[in-house]
Amino acid sequence: MNARVGYHWHLRRVMTEHGMFQTSDLLPLLAQRGVTLSREQIYRLVAHTPQRLSLATLAALCDILDCAPGDLVEPYRAQRTRPARRVGPDDPPPRPTRARVAPPSGGNSG
């Protein structure tokens, strides 16, 4: 089994806790901290889980929302398991496994 590592992004929740309900609320606040993002970029940052995020943007968000990075990003680790193969009524029967024949043990080379 392999471990799968990911993270949950909580920016929208933290914004709501601070009385910020529109993504456009972040635009001037980020600009005051030297982070220039378009309205579309801010919308994606709030509405979706980012794949990449600069540390400057993360630090600005933490300053704006008076929170720690761990309040915005929650890492998790999940065990990855192989899903069991489902056999339906229309599936062909499983194929037999080929037998392995071992050479005879002993010294008879007849």
N, C-alpha and C. Protein backbone atom coordinates (compact mmCIF):
# COMPACT_ATOMS: atom_id res chain seq x y z
N MET A 1 0.83 -1.18 0.00
CA MET A 1 0.00 0.00 0.00
C MET A 1 0.87 1.25 0.00
N ASN A 2 0.47 2.22 -0.76
CA ASN A 2 1.16 3.50 -0.79
C ASN A 2 0.35 4.53 -0.02
N ALA A 3 1.04 5.45 0.61
CA ALA A 3 0.35 6.53 1.31
C ALA A 3 0.11 7.66 0.32
N ARG A 4 -1.05 8.24 0.38
CA ARG A 4 -1.38 9.38 -0.46
C ARG A 4 -1.44 10.60 0.45
N VAL A 5 -0.73 11.64 0.07
CA VAL A 5 -0.68 12.86 0.87
C VAL A 5 -1.40 13.96 0.10
N GLY A 6 -2.22 14.70 0.80
CA GLY A 6 -2.94 15.81 0.18
C GLY A 6 -3.20 16.88 1.22
N TYR A 7 -4.06 17.80 0.88
CA TYR A 7 -4.39 18.87 1.83
C TYR A 7 -5.77 19.40 1.55
N HIS A 8 -6.39 19.90 2.60
CA HIS A 8 -7.67 20.58 2.50
C HIS A 8 -7.39 22.08 2.58
N TRP A 9 -8.07 22.86 1.77
CA TRP A 9 -7.88 24.30 1.69
C TRP A 9 -9.08 24.97 2.35
N HIS A 10 -8.84 25.76 3.39
CA HIS A 10 -9.92 26.34 4.19
C HIS A 10 -10.04 27.86 4.07
N LEU A 11 -9.60 28.44 2.97
CA LEU A 11 -9.63 29.89 2.85
C LEU A 11 -11.05 30.45 2.94
N ARG A 12 -11.99 29.85 2.24
CA ARG A 12 -13.36 30.38 2.27
C ARG A 12 -13.93 30.35 3.69
N ARG A 13 -13.71 29.26 4.40
CA ARG A 13 -14.22 29.15 5.78
C ARG A 13 -13.61 30.21 6.68
N VAL A 14 -12.29 30.41 6.58
CA VAL A 14 -11.61 31.38 7.43
C VAL A 14 -12.07 32.79 7.07
N MET A 15 -12.26 33.06 5.78
CA MET A 15 -12.78 34.37 5.38
C MET A 15 -14.16 34.61 6.01
N THR A 16 -15.02 33.61 5.95
CA THR A 16 -16.37 33.74 6.51
C THR A 16 -16.31 34.00 8.01
N GLU A 17 -15.41 33.34 8.70
CA GLU A 17 -15.26 33.56 10.14
C GLU A 17 -14.84 34.99 10.46
N HIS A 18 -14.22 35.67 9.49
CA HIS A 18 -13.79 37.05 9.68
C HIS A 18 -14.75 38.04 9.00
N GLY A 19 -15.93 37.58 8.64
CA GLY A 19 -16.93 38.48 8.07
C GLY A 19 -16.68 38.87 6.63
N MET A 20 -15.86 38.11 5.93
CA MET A 20 -15.59 38.40 4.52
C MET A 20 -16.34 37.37 3.68
N PHE A 21 -17.30 37.87 2.88
CA PHE A 21 -18.16 36.96 2.14
C PHE A 21 -17.98 37.05 0.63
N GLN A 22 -17.22 38.01 0.14
CA GLN A 22 -16.99 38.15 -1.29
C GLN A 22 -15.50 38.02 -1.58
N THR A 23 -15.19 37.34 -2.67
CA THR A 23 -13.78 37.17 -3.03
C THR A 23 -13.13 38.51 -3.33
N SER A 24 -13.91 39.46 -3.84
CA SER A 24 -13.35 40.77 -4.18
C SER A 24 -12.89 41.54 -2.94
N ASP A 25 -13.33 41.13 -1.75
CA ASP A 25 -12.87 41.78 -0.51
C ASP A 25 -11.36 41.64 -0.34
N LEU A 26 -10.78 40.59 -0.91
CA LEU A 26 -9.35 40.35 -0.75
C LEU A 26 -8.49 41.21 -1.66
N LEU A 27 -9.03 41.66 -2.77
CA LEU A 27 -8.24 42.37 -3.78
C LEU A 27 -7.46 43.56 -3.20
N PRO A 28 -8.11 44.54 -2.56
CA PRO A 28 -7.33 45.67 -2.04
C PRO A 28 -6.45 45.28 -0.85
N LEU A 29 -6.89 44.32 -0.07
CA LEU A 29 -6.10 43.92 1.11
C LEU A 29 -4.80 43.23 0.70
N LEU A 30 -4.87 42.40 -0.34
CA LEU A 30 -3.65 41.77 -0.85
C LEU A 30 -2.74 42.82 -1.49
N ALA A 31 -3.32 43.75 -2.24
CA ALA A 31 -2.53 44.79 -2.90
C ALA A 31 -1.78 45.64 -1.86
N GLN A 32 -2.40 45.92 -0.72
CA GLN A 32 -1.74 46.69 0.35
C GLN A 32 -0.51 45.96 0.86
N ARG A 33 -0.48 44.66 0.70
CA ARG A 33 0.65 43.86 1.18
C ARG A 33 1.59 43.45 0.06
N GLY A 34 1.45 44.10 -1.09
CA GLY A 34 2.36 43.87 -2.21
C GLY A 34 2.05 42.66 -3.07
N VAL A 35 0.87 42.06 -2.90
CA VAL A 35 0.49 40.89 -3.70
C VAL A 35 -0.55 41.34 -4.71
N THR A 36 -0.19 41.29 -5.99
CA THR A 36 -1.09 41.73 -7.05
C THR A 36 -1.65 40.51 -7.76
N LEU A 37 -2.94 40.30 -7.59
CA LEU A 37 -3.64 39.22 -8.27
C LEU A 37 -4.88 39.79 -8.95
N SER A 38 -5.27 39.19 -10.06
CA SER A 38 -6.49 39.63 -10.75
C SER A 38 -7.71 39.11 -9.99
N ARG A 39 -8.86 39.65 -10.31
CA ARG A 39 -10.11 39.19 -9.69
C ARG A 39 -10.31 37.69 -9.94
N GLU A 40 -9.98 37.25 -11.15
CA GLU A 40 -10.14 35.83 -11.50
C GLU A 40 -9.21 34.95 -10.67
N GLN A 41 -7.98 35.41 -10.49
CA GLN A 41 -7.03 34.63 -9.68
C GLN A 41 -7.49 34.55 -8.23
N ILE A 42 -8.01 35.63 -7.70
CA ILE A 42 -8.49 35.62 -6.32
C ILE A 42 -9.71 34.72 -6.20
N TYR A 43 -10.60 34.78 -7.20
CA TYR A 43 -11.77 33.89 -7.17
C TYR A 43 -11.33 32.43 -7.13
N ARG A 44 -10.39 32.06 -8.01
CA ARG A 44 -9.91 30.67 -8.03
C ARG A 44 -9.23 30.30 -6.72
N LEU A 45 -8.51 31.24 -6.13
CA LEU A 45 -7.83 31.00 -4.86
C LEU A 45 -8.83 30.70 -3.75
N VAL A 46 -9.98 31.39 -3.77
CA VAL A 46 -10.98 31.21 -2.73
C VAL A 46 -11.88 30.02 -3.04
N ALA A 47 -12.29 29.87 -4.29
CA ALA A 47 -13.31 28.87 -4.65
C ALA A 47 -12.73 27.48 -4.89
N HIS A 48 -11.47 27.38 -5.19
CA HIS A 48 -10.86 26.08 -5.51
C HIS A 48 -9.62 25.86 -4.66
N THR A 49 -9.20 24.62 -4.57
CA THR A 49 -7.96 24.30 -3.86
C THR A 49 -6.79 24.57 -4.79
N PRO A 50 -5.89 25.47 -4.41
CA PRO A 50 -4.77 25.79 -5.30
C PRO A 50 -3.76 24.65 -5.37
N GLN A 51 -3.19 24.47 -6.56
CA GLN A 51 -2.12 23.48 -6.72
C GLN A 51 -0.78 24.07 -6.31
N ARG A 52 -0.62 25.38 -6.53
CA ARG A 52 0.60 26.09 -6.15
C ARG A 52 0.18 27.40 -5.51
N LEU A 53 0.98 27.85 -4.55
CA LEU A 53 0.71 29.10 -3.86
C LEU A 53 2.03 29.67 -3.38
N SER A 54 2.28 30.93 -3.73
CA SER A 54 3.55 31.53 -3.30
C SER A 54 3.50 31.79 -1.79
N LEU A 55 4.67 31.74 -1.18
CA LEU A 55 4.75 32.01 0.26
C LEU A 55 4.37 33.45 0.56
N ALA A 56 4.64 34.36 -0.37
CA ALA A 56 4.26 35.76 -0.17
C ALA A 56 2.73 35.89 -0.10
N THR A 57 2.03 35.16 -0.96
CA THR A 57 0.57 35.20 -0.94
C THR A 57 0.04 34.55 0.33
N LEU A 58 0.62 33.42 0.72
CA LEU A 58 0.20 32.74 1.95
C LEU A 58 0.43 33.64 3.16
N ALA A 59 1.58 34.31 3.22
CA ALA A 59 1.88 35.20 4.34
C ALA A 59 0.91 36.38 4.36
N ALA A 60 0.57 36.92 3.19
CA ALA A 60 -0.37 38.04 3.13
C ALA A 60 -1.76 37.60 3.59
N LEU A 61 -2.20 36.41 3.17
CA LEU A 61 -3.51 35.90 3.60
C LEU A 61 -3.53 35.71 5.12
N CYS A 62 -2.45 35.18 5.67
CA CYS A 62 -2.38 34.99 7.12
C CYS A 62 -2.42 36.32 7.85
N ASP A 63 -1.76 37.33 7.29
CA ASP A 63 -1.78 38.65 7.91
C ASP A 63 -3.18 39.27 7.84
N ILE A 64 -3.81 39.17 6.69
CA ILE A 64 -5.17 39.72 6.50
C ILE A 64 -6.15 39.06 7.44
N LEU A 65 -6.08 37.75 7.55
CA LEU A 65 -7.07 36.97 8.31
C LEU A 65 -6.63 36.70 9.75
N ASP A 66 -5.47 37.23 10.13
CA ASP A 66 -4.94 37.04 11.48
C ASP A 66 -4.98 35.56 11.87
N CYS A 67 -4.34 34.75 11.03
CA CYS A 67 -4.34 33.31 11.27
C CYS A 67 -2.96 32.74 10.95
N ALA A 68 -2.79 31.49 11.25
CA ALA A 68 -1.54 30.78 10.94
C ALA A 68 -1.74 29.99 9.65
N PRO A 69 -0.65 29.62 8.97
CA PRO A 69 -0.78 28.83 7.75
C PRO A 69 -1.58 27.53 7.97
N GLY A 70 -1.45 26.94 9.14
CA GLY A 70 -2.19 25.71 9.43
C GLY A 70 -3.69 25.90 9.51
N ASP A 71 -4.14 27.15 9.68
CA ASP A 71 -5.58 27.42 9.65
C ASP A 71 -6.12 27.38 8.23
N LEU A 72 -5.25 27.66 7.25
CA LEU A 72 -5.67 27.67 5.85
C LEU A 72 -5.41 26.34 5.15
N VAL A 73 -4.33 25.68 5.52
CA VAL A 73 -3.93 24.42 4.87
C VAL A 73 -3.92 23.31 5.90
N GLU A 74 -4.71 22.28 5.66
CA GLU A 74 -4.76 21.13 6.56
C GLU A 74 -4.27 19.89 5.80
N PRO A 75 -3.04 19.47 6.06
CA PRO A 75 -2.53 18.28 5.36
C PRO A 75 -3.19 17.01 5.89
N TYR A 76 -3.26 16.01 5.03
CA TYR A 76 -3.76 14.70 5.46
C TYR A 76 -2.97 13.61 4.75
N ARG A 77 -3.01 12.45 5.35
CA ARG A 77 -2.36 11.27 4.78
C ARG A 77 -3.38 10.15 4.79
N ALA A 78 -3.62 9.57 3.64
CA ALA A 78 -4.59 8.48 3.53
C ALA A 78 -3.89 7.27 2.92
N GLN A 79 -4.27 6.11 3.39
CA GLN A 79 -3.74 4.89 2.82
C GLN A 79 -4.43 4.62 1.49
N ARG A 80 -3.66 4.32 0.50
CA ARG A 80 -4.20 4.02 -0.82
C ARG A 80 -4.31 2.50 -0.94
N THR A 81 -5.48 2.01 -1.18
CA THR A 81 -5.68 0.57 -1.35
C THR A 81 -6.20 0.30 -2.75
N ARG A 82 -5.94 -0.87 -3.20
CA ARG A 82 -6.42 -1.27 -4.52
C ARG A 82 -7.89 -1.67 -4.42
N PRO A 83 -8.73 -1.08 -5.26
CA PRO A 83 -10.14 -1.47 -5.20
C PRO A 83 -10.32 -2.91 -5.65
N ALA A 84 -11.23 -3.60 -4.99
CA ALA A 84 -11.51 -4.99 -5.37
C ALA A 84 -12.20 -5.00 -6.72
N ARG A 85 -11.85 -5.98 -7.53
CA ARG A 85 -12.47 -6.09 -8.85
C ARG A 85 -13.86 -6.66 -8.68
N ARG A 86 -14.81 -5.94 -9.23
CA ARG A 86 -16.19 -6.40 -9.14
C ARG A 86 -16.51 -7.25 -10.35
N VAL A 87 -17.16 -8.34 -10.10
CA VAL A 87 -17.55 -9.23 -11.19
C VAL A 87 -19.05 -9.10 -11.36
N GLY A 88 -19.44 -8.68 -12.54
CA GLY A 88 -20.86 -8.52 -12.83
C GLY A 88 -21.40 -9.74 -13.53
N PRO A 89 -22.72 -9.80 -13.71
CA PRO A 89 -23.33 -10.97 -14.35
C PRO A 89 -22.94 -11.13 -15.82
N ASP A 90 -22.54 -10.03 -16.48
CA ASP A 90 -22.17 -10.11 -17.89
C ASP A 90 -20.68 -10.31 -18.11
N ASP A 91 -19.90 -10.31 -17.02
CA ASP A 91 -18.45 -10.47 -17.15
C ASP A 91 -18.12 -11.94 -17.44
N PRO A 92 -17.09 -12.16 -18.24
CA PRO A 92 -16.67 -13.55 -18.49
C PRO A 92 -16.07 -14.13 -17.22
N PRO A 93 -16.07 -15.44 -17.08
CA PRO A 93 -15.48 -16.06 -15.89
C PRO A 93 -13.98 -15.76 -15.87
N PRO A 94 -13.39 -15.73 -14.68
CA PRO A 94 -11.95 -15.44 -14.61
C PRO A 94 -11.14 -16.52 -15.31
N ARG A 95 -10.02 -16.10 -15.88
CA ARG A 95 -9.16 -17.05 -16.58
C ARG A 95 -8.35 -17.84 -15.56
N PRO A 96 -8.12 -19.11 -15.84
CA PRO A 96 -7.32 -19.91 -14.90
C PRO A 96 -5.87 -19.44 -14.91
N THR A 97 -5.22 -19.66 -13.80
CA THR A 97 -3.81 -19.31 -13.67
C THR A 97 -2.97 -20.45 -14.20
N ARG A 98 -1.96 -20.10 -14.98
CA ARG A 98 -1.09 -21.12 -15.57
C ARG A 98 -0.29 -21.81 -14.48
N ALA A 99 -0.24 -23.13 -14.53
CA ALA A 99 0.51 -23.91 -13.54
C ALA A 99 1.99 -23.84 -13.86
N ARG A 100 2.80 -23.84 -12.84
CA ARG A 100 4.24 -23.89 -13.01
C ARG A 100 4.70 -25.31 -12.71
N VAL A 101 5.42 -25.85 -13.62
CA VAL A 101 5.94 -27.20 -13.45
C VAL A 101 7.40 -27.08 -13.09
N ALA A 102 7.74 -27.58 -11.92
CA ALA A 102 9.13 -27.52 -11.48
C ALA A 102 9.88 -28.72 -12.01
N PRO A 103 11.15 -28.56 -12.28
CA PRO A 103 11.92 -29.72 -12.73
C PRO A 103 11.95 -30.77 -11.63
N PRO A 104 12.01 -32.03 -12.01
CA PRO A 104 12.01 -33.08 -10.98
C PRO A 104 13.23 -32.94 -10.09
N SER A 105 12.99 -33.17 -8.81
CA SER A 105 14.13 -33.13 -7.90
C SER A 105 14.76 -34.50 -7.87
N GLY A 106 16.00 -34.55 -7.64
CA GLY A 106 16.70 -35.84 -7.62
C GLY A 106 17.73 -35.87 -8.73
N GLY A 107 18.51 -36.88 -8.78
CA GLY A 107 19.61 -36.94 -9.71
C GLY A 107 19.36 -37.76 -10.94
N ASN A 108 18.15 -38.28 -11.19
CA ASN A 108 17.90 -39.09 -12.37
C ASN A 108 17.93 -38.22 -13.60
N SER A 109 18.88 -38.44 -14.45
CA SER A 109 18.92 -37.70 -15.69
C SER A 109 18.83 -38.68 -16.85
N GLY A 110 18.14 -39.75 -16.70
CA GLY A 110 17.87 -40.84 -17.52
C GLY A 110 18.11 -40.95 -18.87
